[in-house]
Amino acid sequence: MTAPRQTNEETITGLLQRLAMLRGWSPKTTESYRSDLLHADAFFCTAHTSLMQASQGAVLKYLASLGRKGLRETTIQRRRSALSTWFTYLQDQGMRHDHPARYLPKMRKSRPLPKLMSEQDVEALLAAPDTLTATGIRDRCMLEILYATGLRVSELTGLQLAHIDIAAGLVRVIGKGDKERLVPFGEEAARWLQQWLAARPNEPASPFLFPGRAGKIMSRQNFWLRLKQYAVLANISPLPSPHTLRHAFATHLLNHGADLRAVQMLLGHANVTTTEIYTHVSRARLHDLVNQSHPLGKH
């Protein structure tokens, strides 16, 4: 009498237990691998193969199916890693001569979307400094310039008096790699620049537009702390960083119809693909608007 044939699940579980002993896995880790491998095997069975015999083409189709389901990148990467570990073990044991998961295309890491500030939050933040004091005027001016130009915080604190042309509405920026660009600013920023230049102390002499202690360059940390204080006063949550205002500058421009290439030049990005992330933010905002306003949207 012949012994009953093992099911795929029994075969996978038995081999996995041996692999777990070799690797010293915990029961929780072993069960996680088992779950991922059985999930893959179920897919392969629908394609008339199995986890033991799957080809590279079958593995690629499986991973593609995970992407179509909209699973998180971390989940897809974990299941891919489980397959790679599995086929390495089968190869080491002489149960397979090939490794169908070894030369798969690299997964392209998705970039996290920038934190988005609404135009209302930006307006509240700009209005937070006490402009009856010279320090308040300075801080209001810095925030206005940051939002009006999309500068990096290091570019903002490094601005010198010679870099500003109020009449032309332009600021000369020395960016990454000492690359220089001209960035325009609007009337509101120009108005606060004039107020700051009138209130700005002349002693000690400093070349910087927004000097720190003893006329030296203001630290990024100092500006960040002041920004955080104003965000708390304006009741903005989560608390923005200086870079959040740069993101707001780019996103709000695109929301109002600005050209992507123009935004690339203003931000000083060497490659337009870096700027394209803001189009995703704009599209995400459009999705939110549809979900909130459309009769069949998610409410």
Protein backbone atom coordinates (compact mmCIF):
# COMPACT_ATOMS: atom_id res chain seq x y z
CA MET A 1 0.00 0.00 0.00
CA THR A 2 1.50 3.32 -1.09
CA ALA A 3 1.81 6.21 1.36
CA PRO A 4 -0.56 9.11 0.79
CA ARG A 5 0.95 11.91 -1.26
CA GLN A 6 1.85 15.03 0.66
CA THR A 7 -0.05 18.19 -0.11
CA ASN A 8 1.81 21.35 -1.14
CA GLU A 9 1.10 22.84 2.26
CA GLU A 10 2.56 19.85 4.08
CA THR A 11 5.66 19.83 1.88
CA ILE A 12 6.23 23.56 2.36
CA THR A 13 5.64 23.37 6.11
CA GLY A 14 8.03 20.43 6.54
CA LEU A 15 10.84 22.02 4.54
CA LEU A 16 10.29 25.35 6.26
CA GLN A 17 10.62 23.78 9.70
CA ARG A 18 14.05 22.45 8.74
CA LEU A 19 15.05 25.85 7.34
CA ALA A 20 13.83 27.54 10.52
CA MET A 21 16.01 25.24 12.64
CA LEU A 22 19.05 26.01 10.49
CA ARG A 23 18.45 29.76 10.69
CA GLY A 24 17.35 29.79 14.34
CA TRP A 25 14.06 31.53 13.56
CA SER A 26 11.48 32.20 16.21
CA PRO A 27 8.02 30.61 15.86
CA LYS A 28 6.63 34.01 14.89
CA THR A 29 9.19 34.48 12.10
CA THR A 30 8.62 30.93 10.85
CA GLU A 31 4.86 31.46 10.73
CA SER A 32 5.31 34.73 8.86
CA TYR A 33 7.41 32.94 6.20
CA ARG A 34 4.90 30.10 6.04
CA SER A 35 2.03 32.51 5.47
CA ASP A 36 3.87 34.34 2.68
CA LEU A 37 5.00 31.14 0.97
CA LEU A 38 1.54 29.56 1.07
CA HIS A 39 0.11 32.75 -0.38
CA ALA A 40 2.57 32.50 -3.29
CA ASP A 41 1.89 28.80 -3.72
CA ALA A 42 -1.87 29.44 -4.01
CA PHE A 43 -1.16 31.88 -6.85
CA PHE A 44 1.20 29.46 -8.60
CA CYS A 45 -1.38 26.67 -8.39
CA THR A 46 -3.86 28.80 -10.33
CA ALA A 47 -1.18 29.01 -13.04
CA HIS A 48 -0.77 25.19 -13.00
CA THR A 49 2.55 25.16 -11.18
CA SER A 50 3.64 25.26 -7.53
CA LEU A 51 6.11 26.84 -5.15
CA MET A 52 8.45 23.88 -5.77
CA GLN A 53 8.46 24.20 -9.57
CA ALA A 54 7.70 27.90 -10.21
CA SER A 55 9.75 29.55 -12.98
CA GLN A 56 11.11 33.08 -12.94
CA GLY A 57 8.25 34.12 -15.21
CA ALA A 58 5.73 32.77 -12.71
CA VAL A 59 7.49 34.63 -9.86
CA LEU A 60 7.39 37.87 -11.87
CA LYS A 61 3.67 37.44 -12.56
CA TYR A 62 3.06 36.81 -8.87
CA LEU A 63 4.90 39.96 -7.78
CA ALA A 64 3.11 41.97 -10.47
CA SER A 65 -0.22 40.73 -9.12
CA LEU A 66 0.73 42.02 -5.66
CA GLY A 67 1.42 45.45 -7.15
CA ARG A 68 -1.94 45.50 -8.96
CA LYS A 69 -3.69 44.77 -5.67
CA GLY A 70 -2.23 47.98 -4.27
CA LEU A 71 -0.38 46.29 -1.43
CA ARG A 72 2.13 48.33 0.53
CA GLU A 73 5.68 48.34 -0.78
CA THR A 74 6.91 46.80 2.50
CA THR A 75 4.49 43.87 2.11
CA ILE A 76 5.59 43.19 -1.47
CA GLN A 77 9.25 43.41 -0.47
CA ARG A 78 8.70 40.99 2.43
CA ARG A 79 7.01 38.40 0.22
CA ARG A 80 9.71 38.80 -2.40
CA SER A 81 12.36 38.25 0.26
CA ALA A 82 10.54 35.14 1.50
CA LEU A 83 10.62 33.68 -2.03
CA SER A 84 14.31 34.46 -2.39
CA THR A 85 15.11 32.75 0.92
CA TRP A 86 12.98 29.76 -0.06
CA PHE A 87 14.60 29.19 -3.46
CA THR A 88 18.08 29.67 -2.00
CA TYR A 89 17.31 26.88 0.47
CA LEU A 90 15.97 24.56 -2.26
CA GLN A 91 19.11 25.21 -4.32
CA ASP A 92 21.40 24.57 -1.34
CA GLN A 93 19.60 21.27 -0.71
CA GLY A 94 20.00 20.18 -4.34
CA MET A 95 16.24 20.28 -4.86
CA ARG A 96 16.57 22.91 -7.60
CA HIS A 97 19.42 23.83 -9.92
CA ASP A 98 18.12 27.30 -10.72
CA HIS A 99 17.05 30.25 -8.57
CA PRO A 100 13.99 31.97 -10.09
CA ALA A 101 14.05 34.87 -7.63
CA ARG A 102 17.77 35.74 -7.81
CA TYR A 103 17.91 38.09 -10.79
CA LEU A 104 14.59 39.85 -10.48
CA PRO A 105 14.45 43.57 -11.39
CA LYS A 106 15.13 45.83 -8.44
CA MET A 107 12.09 47.32 -6.81
CA ARG A 108 11.90 51.07 -7.32
CA LYS A 109 11.50 52.67 -3.94
CA SER A 110 8.59 55.06 -3.79
CA ARG A 111 9.35 58.48 -2.42
CA PRO A 112 7.23 59.64 0.49
CA LEU A 113 4.96 62.53 -0.36
CA PRO A 114 5.94 65.84 1.22
CA LYS A 115 3.90 67.04 4.17
CA LEU A 116 1.33 69.46 2.85
CA MET A 117 0.27 72.76 4.40
CA SER A 118 -2.96 74.33 3.26
CA GLU A 119 -2.96 77.93 2.08
CA GLN A 120 -5.00 78.81 5.16
CA ASP A 121 -2.38 77.29 7.47
CA VAL A 122 0.36 79.21 5.68
CA GLU A 123 -1.55 82.47 6.10
CA ALA A 124 -2.02 81.74 9.82
CA LEU A 125 1.68 80.97 10.21
CA LEU A 126 2.73 84.17 8.44
CA ALA A 127 0.48 86.22 10.70
CA ALA A 128 1.83 84.69 13.94
CA PRO A 129 4.93 86.89 14.62
CA ASP A 130 4.45 90.05 16.70
CA THR A 131 5.33 92.71 14.12
CA LEU A 132 5.33 95.49 16.73
CA THR A 133 8.91 94.38 17.52
CA ALA A 134 12.01 94.32 15.31
CA THR A 135 12.42 90.59 15.96
CA GLY A 136 8.82 89.98 14.93
CA ILE A 137 9.29 91.97 11.73
CA ARG A 138 12.43 89.98 10.96
CA ASP A 139 10.68 86.66 11.53
CA ARG A 140 7.65 87.71 9.48
CA CYS A 141 9.97 88.77 6.68
CA MET A 142 11.84 85.46 6.79
CA LEU A 143 8.61 83.47 6.63
CA GLU A 144 7.31 85.63 3.78
CA ILE A 145 10.53 85.19 1.81
CA LEU A 146 10.59 81.45 2.47
CA TYR A 147 7.03 80.97 1.21
CA ALA A 148 7.39 83.47 -1.65
CA THR A 149 10.54 81.89 -3.08
CA GLY A 150 10.66 78.25 -1.96
CA LEU A 151 14.23 78.63 -0.69
CA ARG A 152 15.91 75.95 1.37
CA VAL A 153 16.41 77.10 4.96
CA SER A 154 20.20 77.18 4.48
CA GLU A 155 19.69 79.39 1.43
CA LEU A 156 17.44 81.70 3.44
CA THR A 157 19.79 82.13 6.40
CA GLY A 158 22.72 82.57 4.02
CA LEU A 159 21.11 85.45 2.10
CA GLN A 160 23.20 88.60 2.03
CA LEU A 161 22.09 92.20 1.58
CA ALA A 162 23.79 92.25 -1.81
CA HIS A 163 21.59 89.34 -2.96
CA ILE A 164 18.34 91.31 -2.77
CA ASP A 165 16.93 93.60 -5.47
CA ILE A 166 13.63 94.90 -4.12
CA ALA A 167 12.95 97.14 -7.14
CA ALA A 168 13.26 94.19 -9.52
CA GLY A 169 11.62 91.76 -7.06
CA LEU A 170 14.49 89.29 -7.34
CA VAL A 171 16.73 87.41 -4.96
CA ARG A 172 20.04 85.85 -6.00
CA VAL A 173 20.39 82.45 -4.39
CA ILE A 174 23.54 80.37 -3.96
CA GLY A 175 22.20 76.82 -3.84
CA LYS A 176 23.61 73.32 -3.65
CA GLY A 177 26.98 72.91 -5.33
CA ASP A 178 27.40 76.70 -5.30
CA LYS A 179 24.93 76.91 -8.18
CA GLU A 180 23.40 80.33 -8.56
CA ARG A 181 19.83 81.12 -9.55
CA LEU A 182 17.55 84.17 -9.60
CA VAL A 183 14.19 83.75 -7.90
CA PRO A 184 11.39 86.35 -8.11
CA PHE A 185 9.25 87.34 -5.14
CA GLY A 186 5.93 89.15 -4.94
CA GLU A 187 4.73 92.47 -3.57
CA GLU A 188 3.85 91.16 -0.11
CA ALA A 189 7.35 89.79 0.44
CA ALA A 190 8.81 93.05 -0.92
CA ARG A 191 6.71 95.05 1.55
CA TRP A 192 8.02 93.07 4.51
CA LEU A 193 11.56 93.28 3.19
CA GLN A 194 11.31 97.06 3.19
CA GLN A 195 9.96 97.04 6.74
CA TRP A 196 12.77 94.75 7.89
CA LEU A 197 15.48 96.81 6.22
CA ALA A 198 14.11 99.88 8.03
CA ALA A 199 14.09 98.04 11.40
CA ARG A 200 17.27 96.01 10.87
CA PRO A 201 20.05 97.07 13.29
CA ASN A 202 23.18 98.38 11.62
CA GLU A 203 25.48 97.27 14.44
CA PRO A 204 27.31 95.02 14.45
CA ALA A 205 27.94 95.35 10.73
CA SER A 206 26.95 92.18 8.95
CA PRO A 207 26.64 91.19 5.29
CA PHE A 208 23.72 88.89 6.09
CA LEU A 209 20.15 89.98 5.45
CA PHE A 210 19.00 88.16 8.61
CA PRO A 211 22.06 88.18 10.91
CA GLY A 212 22.29 86.05 14.00
CA ARG A 213 24.30 86.79 17.13
CA ALA A 214 27.23 89.16 16.68
CA GLY A 215 26.27 89.62 13.02
CA LYS A 216 27.09 86.02 12.13
CA ILE A 217 24.91 83.75 10.03
CA MET A 218 21.76 82.61 11.80
CA SER A 219 21.73 78.88 12.48
CA ARG A 220 19.12 76.69 10.84
CA GLN A 221 18.25 75.29 14.27
CA ASN A 222 17.48 78.77 15.60
CA PHE A 223 15.14 79.51 12.72
CA TRP A 224 13.46 76.10 13.06
CA LEU A 225 12.78 76.71 16.76
CA ARG A 226 11.20 80.08 16.00
CA LEU A 227 9.10 78.55 13.24
CA LYS A 228 7.88 75.86 15.63
CA GLN A 229 6.88 78.51 18.19
CA TYR A 230 4.84 80.37 15.58
CA ALA A 231 3.20 77.16 14.40
CA VAL A 232 2.09 76.45 17.98
CA LEU A 233 0.70 80.01 18.26
CA ALA A 234 -1.17 79.53 14.98
CA ASN A 235 -2.52 76.15 16.18
CA ILE A 236 -1.06 74.28 13.19
CA SER A 237 -0.76 70.52 13.48
CA PRO A 238 1.38 68.63 12.67
CA LEU A 239 4.11 71.16 13.27
CA PRO A 240 5.72 72.22 9.98
CA SER A 241 9.43 72.40 9.32
CA PRO A 242 11.14 75.07 7.21
CA HIS A 243 11.17 72.53 4.37
CA THR A 244 7.39 72.22 4.66
CA LEU A 245 7.08 75.83 3.51
CA ARG A 246 9.27 74.98 0.51
CA HIS A 247 6.90 72.11 -0.27
CA ALA A 248 3.91 74.44 0.16
CA PHE A 249 5.46 76.96 -2.23
CA ALA A 250 5.86 74.34 -4.97
CA THR A 251 2.53 72.59 -4.43
CA HIS A 252 0.47 75.78 -4.26
CA LEU A 253 2.10 77.07 -7.45
CA LEU A 254 1.19 73.86 -9.28
CA ASN A 255 -2.33 73.92 -7.83
CA HIS A 256 -2.76 77.36 -9.37
CA GLY A 257 -1.56 76.29 -12.80
CA ALA A 258 2.20 76.89 -12.73
CA ASP A 259 4.38 75.03 -15.25
CA LEU A 260 6.41 72.15 -13.81
CA ARG A 261 9.61 73.27 -15.54
CA ALA A 262 9.23 76.75 -14.11
CA VAL A 263 8.81 75.33 -10.60
CA GLN A 264 11.91 73.18 -11.18
CA MET A 265 13.95 76.29 -11.97
CA LEU A 266 12.58 78.19 -8.96
CA LEU A 267 13.41 75.33 -6.59
CA GLY A 268 16.86 74.84 -8.08
CA HIS A 269 16.33 71.15 -8.85
CA ALA A 270 18.89 69.73 -11.26
CA ASN A 271 16.42 67.13 -12.53
CA VAL A 272 12.73 67.63 -13.19
CA THR A 273 11.98 64.17 -11.79
CA THR A 274 12.77 65.58 -8.34
CA THR A 275 10.11 68.24 -8.86
CA GLU A 276 7.54 65.78 -10.18
CA ILE A 277 6.78 64.56 -6.66
CA TYR A 278 4.78 67.76 -6.20
CA THR A 279 2.47 66.77 -9.04
CA HIS A 280 1.63 63.66 -7.00
CA VAL A 281 0.75 65.90 -4.06
CA SER A 282 -1.51 67.97 -6.32
CA ARG A 283 -3.19 64.83 -7.65
CA ALA A 284 -3.66 63.57 -4.09
CA ARG A 285 -5.34 66.88 -3.28
CA LEU A 286 -7.64 66.46 -6.29
CA HIS A 287 -8.59 62.99 -5.08
CA ASP A 288 -9.44 64.44 -1.67
CA LEU A 289 -11.60 67.14 -3.27
CA VAL A 290 -13.50 64.57 -5.33
CA ASN A 291 -14.01 62.31 -2.31
CA GLN A 292 -15.27 65.22 -0.24
CA SER A 293 -17.45 66.90 -2.88
CA HIS A 294 -18.69 64.25 -5.29
CA PRO A 295 -22.12 62.67 -4.48
CA LEU A 296 -20.54 59.20 -4.72
CA GLY A 297 -17.26 60.18 -3.03
CA LYS A 298 -16.11 58.76 0.29
CA HIS A 299 -17.76 60.64 3.13
